[in-house]
Protein backbone atom coordinates (compact mmCIF):
# COMPACT_ATOMS: atom_id res chain seq x y z
CA UNK A 1 -57.11 34.62 162.67
CA UNK A 2 -59.27 31.11 162.59
CA UNK A 3 -62.62 31.09 162.91
CA UNK A 4 -64.45 27.80 163.56
CA UNK A 5 -68.02 27.06 163.31
CA UNK A 6 -69.03 24.66 166.36
CA UNK A 7 -72.43 23.04 165.82
CA UNK A 8 -73.65 20.39 168.46
CA UNK A 9 -75.11 16.81 166.88
CA UNK A 10 -79.08 17.48 166.41
CA UNK A 11 -78.60 21.49 167.45
CA UNK A 12 -79.48 24.35 165.10
CA UNK A 13 -77.61 26.67 166.98
CA UNK A 14 -74.60 27.82 164.47
CA UNK A 15 -72.29 29.95 166.41
CA UNK A 16 -68.89 31.21 165.53
CA UNK A 17 -66.24 31.51 167.92
CA UNK A 18 -63.69 33.88 167.84
CA UNK A 19 -60.19 33.14 169.58
CA UNK A 20 -59.56 36.19 171.79
CA UNK A 21 -56.17 34.99 173.42
CA UNK A 22 -53.86 36.84 170.60
CA UNK A 23 -56.09 39.90 170.91
CA UNK A 24 -55.88 39.72 174.90
CA UNK A 25 -52.13 40.22 174.03
CA UNK A 26 -51.69 43.11 171.61
CA UNK A 27 -54.28 44.85 174.42
CA UNK A 28 -51.80 44.33 177.21
CA UNK A 29 -48.55 45.11 175.01
CA UNK A 30 -50.08 48.48 173.69
CA UNK A 31 -51.15 49.24 177.47
CA UNK A 32 -47.66 48.45 178.59
CA UNK A 33 -46.21 50.93 175.75
CA UNK A 34 -48.34 53.61 176.17
CA UNK A 35 -47.67 53.28 180.41
CA UNK A 36 -43.73 53.48 179.44
CA UNK A 37 -44.02 56.00 176.97
CA UNK A 38 -46.19 58.25 178.75
CA UNK A 39 -44.02 58.56 182.38
CA UNK A 40 -40.47 58.94 180.31
CA UNK A 41 -41.84 62.65 179.26
CA UNK A 42 -41.34 65.23 181.33
CA UNK A 43 -43.45 67.84 182.01
CA UNK A 44 -42.48 71.25 180.67
CA UNK A 45 -43.85 72.84 183.70
CA UNK A 46 -41.05 70.91 185.49
CA UNK A 47 -37.83 72.02 183.29
CA UNK A 48 -35.60 74.44 184.34
CA UNK A 49 -35.21 77.78 182.27
CA UNK A 50 -31.86 78.61 180.63
CA UNK A 51 -31.76 82.32 181.71
CA UNK A 52 -31.29 81.91 185.54
CA UNK A 53 -31.26 85.71 187.67
CA UNK A 54 -29.64 86.33 190.62
CA UNK A 55 -31.21 88.91 192.71
CA UNK A 56 -28.63 92.05 193.36
CA UNK A 57 -29.15 95.25 195.59
CA UNK A 58 -27.40 96.96 193.37
CA UNK A 59 -28.63 96.54 190.17
CA UNK A 60 -31.84 97.95 188.57
CA UNK A 61 -32.86 94.14 187.73
CA UNK A 62 -33.75 93.18 184.21
CA UNK A 63 -33.86 96.67 182.79
CA UNK A 64 -29.95 97.09 183.01
CA UNK A 65 -29.58 94.80 180.15
CA UNK A 66 -29.25 96.00 176.81
CA UNK A 67 -28.90 93.80 173.95
CA UNK A 68 -26.21 94.52 171.21
CA UNK A 69 -27.90 94.87 168.10
CA UNK A 70 -27.05 95.70 164.28
CA UNK A 71 -30.03 96.96 162.24
CA UNK A 72 -29.33 97.04 158.58
CA UNK A 73 -31.61 99.62 157.01
CA UNK A 74 -32.29 102.32 154.33
CA UNK A 75 -31.06 105.65 155.55
CA UNK A 76 -31.67 108.77 152.78
CA UNK A 77 -31.87 105.66 149.69
CA UNK A 78 -28.92 104.37 151.08
CA UNK A 79 -28.23 101.16 153.30
CA UNK A 80 -26.53 102.09 156.26
CA UNK A 81 -25.56 100.35 159.69
CA UNK A 82 -26.42 101.22 163.07
CA UNK A 83 -25.15 100.00 166.31
CA UNK A 84 -27.22 101.71 169.23
CA UNK A 85 -27.82 105.64 168.07
CA UNK A 86 -24.52 105.63 166.14
CA UNK A 87 -24.72 105.11 162.46
CA UNK A 88 -22.08 103.39 160.09
CA UNK A 89 -22.02 104.27 156.31
CA UNK A 90 -19.31 101.71 155.55
CA UNK A 91 -17.88 98.53 156.77
CA UNK A 92 -14.94 99.96 158.44
CA UNK A 93 -16.94 102.21 160.33
CA UNK A 94 -19.24 99.23 161.49
CA UNK A 95 -16.21 97.27 162.70
CA UNK A 96 -14.90 100.32 164.56
CA UNK A 97 -18.38 100.21 166.30
CA UNK A 98 -18.39 96.89 166.99
CA UNK A 99 -14.92 96.78 168.41
CA UNK A 100 -16.32 98.71 171.36
CA UNK A 101 -19.05 96.31 172.32
CA UNK A 102 -18.07 92.64 174.61
CA UNK A 103 -17.62 89.96 172.28
CA UNK A 104 -18.72 87.44 174.52
CA UNK A 105 -22.22 88.64 174.85
CA UNK A 106 -24.42 87.85 171.92
CA UNK A 107 -25.18 90.10 168.82
CA UNK A 108 -28.43 90.28 166.99
CA UNK A 109 -28.64 91.58 163.30
CA UNK A 110 -31.68 93.35 162.68
CA UNK A 111 -32.47 93.65 158.83
CA UNK A 112 -35.60 95.41 157.32
CA UNK A 113 -37.06 95.51 154.32
CA UNK A 114 -35.30 96.81 150.91
CA UNK A 115 -31.84 95.72 152.01
CA UNK A 116 -29.81 93.70 149.55
CA UNK A 117 -28.54 90.41 150.80
CA UNK A 118 -24.71 92.00 150.06
CA UNK A 119 -25.20 94.55 153.00
CA UNK A 120 -26.83 91.50 155.72
CA UNK A 121 -24.08 89.42 154.55
CA UNK A 122 -21.55 92.39 155.44
CA UNK A 123 -22.72 92.75 158.56
CA UNK A 124 -22.38 89.02 159.48
CA UNK A 125 -18.86 88.60 158.41
CA UNK A 126 -18.08 92.22 160.22
CA UNK A 127 -19.49 90.87 163.41
CA UNK A 128 -17.61 87.47 162.84
CA UNK A 129 -14.14 89.46 161.83
CA UNK A 130 -14.80 91.38 165.30
CA UNK A 131 -15.00 88.23 167.36
CA UNK A 132 -17.95 87.35 168.05
CA UNK A 133 -18.99 83.98 168.21
CA UNK A 134 -22.73 84.04 168.76
CA UNK A 135 -24.96 86.00 166.19
CA UNK A 136 -28.46 85.92 165.24
CA UNK A 137 -30.05 86.71 161.88
CA UNK A 138 -33.49 88.76 162.52
CA UNK A 139 -35.66 90.12 159.62
CA UNK A 140 -37.33 93.04 160.97
CA UNK A 141 -41.15 93.12 161.64
């Protein structure tokens, strides 16, 4: 920035002049930048939800959806896998229970406190072996 002191001959007025042309350029560039970036963002209330529901008179609605879930918890001090109301003590029993479920729908594996990692990983492996491609691991609250 070039600050110059200008004084006229015989004048006692010593004013400092600041050239503002570059400041105006920067201001307009920032204004254009903010206008362009603001206009390109889509508002969240206009986004489509990922799950669409179709009205169906024969269906009871959203209450018919039963999530596929494997609960890994301690039963009597021993780890057990539970699918719905049925409990499995071994990996083979768990594999048999998972073969009865639909593999094209997601599966959630919910692990409770006190469970060793090997039992959670065993549930993930059995689900993978059964053909599930969408498996979610959730820590129980």
